[in-house]
Amino acid sequence: QVQLVESGGGSVQAGGSLRLSCAASGHSFMSYDMGWFRQAPGKEREFVAAISRSGASTYYAGFVKGRFTISRDNAKNTVYLQMNSPEPEDTAVYYCAAVPYGNKWYVNDYEYNYWGQGTQVTVSS
């Protein structure tokens, strides 16, 4: 069992920066690949980024375009999403999620076993 708690959301102007954190508690954080998803009002939840259990490999949705960076600190049981140059279209509730590590990238929300409660990010123009 893994419990996930996101923090760091808030309001930011377009072109600014914001860092989201996701603290994990429970068993064997390094046994899990981690992902970030987001859900905007009236839209489906969508994949943003994923990171392997070691942190050595990352994978991003196309719309990220080099603006966001996912990272993790296994000593702190925490995964991060650094958001640079966000745009109003990035406004959404952001969720972190955990899945037992595997040999592929998990980009569908139904593939993840554990979820945080979400943190709101609002980007103004």
C-alpha atoms as a PDB file:
ATOM      1  CA  GLN A   1       0.000   0.000   0.000  1.00  0.00           C
ATOM      2  CA  VAL A   2       1.261   3.473  -0.904  1.00  0.00           C
ATOM      3  CA  GLN A   3      -0.184   6.788   0.209  1.00  0.00           C
ATOM      4  CA  LEU A   4       0.490   9.824  -1.957  1.00  0.00           C
ATOM      5  CA  VAL A   5       0.106  13.478  -1.017  1.00  0.00           C
ATOM      6  CA  GLU A   6       0.629  16.259  -3.545  1.00  0.00           C
ATOM      7  CA  SER A   7       1.593  19.822  -2.707  1.00  0.00           C
ATOM      8  CA  GLY A   8       2.914  22.926  -4.402  1.00  0.00           C
ATOM      9  CA  GLY A   9      -0.060  23.834  -6.522  1.00  0.00           C
ATOM     10  CA  GLY A  10      -1.389  27.353  -6.755  1.00  0.00           C
ATOM     11  CA  SER A  11      -1.726  30.280  -9.099  1.00  0.00           C
ATOM     12  CA  VAL A  12       1.040  31.297 -11.475  1.00  0.00           C
ATOM     13  CA  GLN A  13       1.337  33.651 -14.404  1.00  0.00           C
ATOM     14  CA  ALA A  14       2.068  32.310 -17.842  1.00  0.00           C
ATOM     15  CA  GLY A  15       5.807  32.142 -18.358  1.00  0.00           C
ATOM     16  CA  GLY A  16       6.507  31.679 -14.664  1.00  0.00           C
ATOM     17  CA  SER A  17       7.393  28.485 -12.877  1.00  0.00           C
ATOM     18  CA  LEU A  18       5.944  26.133 -10.294  1.00  0.00           C
ATOM     19  CA  ARG A  19       7.159  22.932  -8.680  1.00  0.00           C
ATOM     20  CA  LEU A  20       4.759  20.244  -7.602  1.00  0.00           C
ATOM     21  CA  SER A  21       5.762  17.657  -5.024  1.00  0.00           C
ATOM     22  CA  CYS A  22       4.303  14.279  -4.224  1.00  0.00           C
ATOM     23  CA  ALA A  23       5.292  12.665  -0.950  1.00  0.00           C
ATOM     24  CA  ALA A  24       4.863   8.921  -0.695  1.00  0.00           C
ATOM     25  CA  SER A  25       4.497   6.866   2.432  1.00  0.00           C
ATOM     26  CA  GLY A  26       4.058   3.175   2.896  1.00  0.00           C
ATOM     27  CA  HIS A  27       6.007   0.350   1.454  1.00  0.00           C
ATOM     28  CA  SER A  28       9.025   0.316  -0.885  1.00  0.00           C
ATOM     29  CA  PHE A  29       8.830   3.582  -2.809  1.00  0.00           C
ATOM     30  CA  MET A  30      11.590   2.322  -5.099  1.00  0.00           C
ATOM     31  CA  SER A  31       9.385  -0.552  -6.192  1.00  0.00           C
ATOM     32  CA  TYR A  32       7.184   1.888  -8.084  1.00  0.00           C
ATOM     33  CA  ASP A  33       7.334   3.797 -11.295  1.00  0.00           C
ATOM     34  CA  MET A  34       5.682   7.169 -10.785  1.00  0.00           C
ATOM     35  CA  GLY A  35       3.530   9.333 -12.989  1.00  0.00           C
ATOM     36  CA  TRP A  36       1.874  12.728 -13.111  1.00  0.00           C
ATOM     37  CA  PHE A  37      -1.561  13.212 -14.652  1.00  0.00           C
ATOM     38  CA  ARG A  38      -3.858  16.201 -14.890  1.00  0.00           C
ATOM     39  CA  GLN A  39      -7.548  16.874 -15.330  1.00  0.00           C
ATOM     40  CA  ALA A  40      -8.986  20.136 -16.559  1.00  0.00           C
ATOM     41  CA  PRO A  41     -12.660  21.022 -16.013  1.00  0.00           C
ATOM     42  CA  GLY A  42     -14.877  19.106 -18.394  1.00  0.00           C
ATOM     43  CA  LYS A  43     -12.000  17.036 -19.749  1.00  0.00           C
ATOM     44  CA  GLU A  44     -10.661  13.542 -19.286  1.00  0.00           C
ATOM     45  CA  ARG A  45      -7.699  12.941 -17.028  1.00  0.00           C
ATOM     46  CA  GLU A  46      -4.545  12.883 -19.156  1.00  0.00           C
ATOM     47  CA  PHE A  47      -0.986  11.689 -18.819  1.00  0.00           C
ATOM     48  CA  VAL A  48       1.724  14.297 -18.264  1.00  0.00           C
ATOM     49  CA  ALA A  49       4.974  12.517 -17.369  1.00  0.00           C
ATOM     50  CA  ALA A  50       6.416   9.338 -15.891  1.00  0.00           C
ATOM     51  CA  ILE A  51       9.670   8.347 -14.234  1.00  0.00           C
ATOM     52  CA  SER A  52      11.260   4.979 -13.660  1.00  0.00           C
ATOM     53  CA  ARG A  53      11.802   3.673 -10.168  1.00  0.00           C
ATOM     54  CA  SER A  54      15.487   4.573 -10.199  1.00  0.00           C
ATOM     55  CA  GLY A  55      14.854   7.989 -11.705  1.00  0.00           C
ATOM     56  CA  ALA A  56      17.194   7.244 -14.582  1.00  0.00           C
ATOM     57  CA  SER A  57      14.495   7.304 -17.256  1.00  0.00           C
ATOM     58  CA  THR A  58      11.651   9.693 -17.935  1.00  0.00           C
ATOM     59  CA  TYR A  59       8.837   9.952 -20.461  1.00  0.00           C
ATOM     60  CA  TYR A  60       6.614  12.905 -21.352  1.00  0.00           C
ATOM     61  CA  ALA A  61       3.400  13.681 -23.137  1.00  0.00           C
ATOM     62  CA  GLY A  62       3.883  15.566 -26.364  1.00  0.00           C
ATOM     63  CA  PHE A  63       2.271  18.761 -25.121  1.00  0.00           C
ATOM     64  CA  VAL A  64       4.991  19.143 -22.466  1.00  0.00           C
ATOM     65  CA  LYS A  65       7.406  20.285 -25.202  1.00  0.00           C
ATOM     66  CA  GLY A  66      10.387  20.452 -22.862  1.00  0.00           C
ATOM     67  CA  ARG A  67       8.632  22.787 -20.419  1.00  0.00           C
ATOM     68  CA  PHE A  68       8.110  20.309 -17.562  1.00  0.00           C
ATOM     69  CA  THR A  69      10.595  18.041 -15.814  1.00  0.00           C
ATOM     70  CA  ILE A  70       9.754  15.031 -13.685  1.00  0.00           C
ATOM     71  CA  SER A  71      12.260  13.893 -11.087  1.00  0.00           C
ATOM     72  CA  ARG A  72      12.349  11.889  -7.886  1.00  0.00           C
ATOM     73  CA  ASP A  73      14.354  11.728  -4.692  1.00  0.00           C
ATOM     74  CA  ASN A  74      14.169   8.174  -3.422  1.00  0.00           C
ATOM     75  CA  ALA A  75      15.854   9.106  -0.154  1.00  0.00           C
ATOM     76  CA  LYS A  76      12.920  11.441   0.525  1.00  0.00           C
ATOM     77  CA  ASN A  77      10.235   9.241  -1.040  1.00  0.00           C
ATOM     78  CA  THR A  78       9.204  12.191  -3.170  1.00  0.00           C
ATOM     79  CA  VAL A  79       8.523  12.806  -6.837  1.00  0.00           C
ATOM     80  CA  TYR A  80       8.478  16.268  -8.376  1.00  0.00           C
ATOM     81  CA  LEU A  81       7.081  18.017 -11.416  1.00  0.00           C
ATOM     82  CA  GLN A  82       8.920  21.199 -12.298  1.00  0.00           C
ATOM     83  CA  MET A  83       6.684  23.327 -14.512  1.00  0.00           C
ATOM     84  CA  ASN A  84       8.473  26.047 -16.462  1.00  0.00           C
ATOM     85  CA  SER A  85       6.753  28.449 -18.824  1.00  0.00           C
ATOM     86  CA  PRO A  86       3.286  27.143 -18.070  1.00  0.00           C
ATOM     87  CA  GLU A  87       0.432  28.289 -20.260  1.00  0.00           C
ATOM     88  CA  PRO A  88      -3.227  28.939 -19.397  1.00  0.00           C
ATOM     89  CA  GLU A  89      -4.008  25.621 -21.118  1.00  0.00           C
ATOM     90  CA  ASP A  90      -2.028  23.876 -18.357  1.00  0.00           C
ATOM     91  CA  THR A  91      -4.660  24.874 -15.787  1.00  0.00           C
ATOM     92  CA  ALA A  92      -5.885  21.657 -14.178  1.00  0.00           C
ATOM     93  CA  VAL A  93      -5.841  19.513 -11.080  1.00  0.00           C
ATOM     94  CA  TYR A  94      -2.554  17.618 -11.085  1.00  0.00           C
ATOM     95  CA  TYR A  95      -2.331  14.118  -9.647  1.00  0.00           C
ATOM     96  CA  CYS A  96       0.607  11.884  -8.913  1.00  0.00           C
ATOM     97  CA  ALA A  97       0.232   8.148  -9.194  1.00  0.00           C
ATOM     98  CA  ALA A  98       2.221   4.994  -8.525  1.00  0.00           C
ATOM     99  CA  VAL A  99       2.428   1.671 -10.341  1.00  0.00           C
ATOM    100  CA  PRO A 100       4.641  -1.342  -9.549  1.00  0.00           C
ATOM    101  CA  TYR A 101       7.661  -1.031 -11.817  1.00  0.00           C
ATOM    102  CA  GLY A 102       7.584  -2.720 -15.156  1.00  0.00           C
ATOM    103  CA  ASN A 103       9.332  -2.804 -18.501  1.00  0.00           C
ATOM    104  CA  LYS A 104       7.203  -0.258 -20.299  1.00  0.00           C
ATOM    105  CA  TRP A 105       5.893   3.263 -19.878  1.00  0.00           C
ATOM    106  CA  TYR A 106       2.494   3.478 -18.244  1.00  0.00           C
ATOM    107  CA  VAL A 107       0.511   6.334 -19.817  1.00  0.00           C
ATOM    108  CA  ASN A 108      -3.076   5.302 -19.029  1.00  0.00           C
ATOM    109  CA  ASP A 109      -4.622   6.198 -15.714  1.00  0.00           C
ATOM    110  CA  TYR A 110      -6.221   2.763 -15.319  1.00  0.00           C
ATOM    111  CA  GLU A 111      -2.750   1.212 -15.212  1.00  0.00           C
ATOM    112  CA  TYR A 112      -1.846   2.973 -11.965  1.00  0.00           C
ATOM    113  CA  ASN A 113      -2.638   1.464  -8.593  1.00  0.00           C
ATOM    114  CA  TYR A 114      -2.331   4.406  -6.204  1.00  0.00           C
ATOM    115  CA  TRP A 115      -3.319   8.068  -6.488  1.00  0.00           C
ATOM    116  CA  GLY A 116      -2.935  11.260  -4.562  1.00  0.00           C
ATOM    117  CA  GLN A 117      -5.800  13.640  -3.891  1.00  0.00           C
ATOM    118  CA  GLY A 118      -4.635  16.179  -6.459  1.00  0.00           C
ATOM    119  CA  THR A 119      -3.399  19.751  -6.343  1.00  0.00           C
ATOM    120  CA  GLN A 120      -4.886  22.645  -8.305  1.00  0.00           C
ATOM    121  CA  VAL A 121      -2.695  24.588 -10.725  1.00  0.00           C
ATOM    122  CA  THR A 122      -4.122  27.766 -12.232  1.00  0.00           C
ATOM    123  CA  VAL A 123      -2.173  29.604 -14.923  1.00  0.00           C
ATOM    124  CA  SER A 124      -3.225  33.127 -15.796  1.00  0.00           C
ATOM    125  CA  SER A 125      -2.323  35.003 -18.945  1.00  0.00           C
END
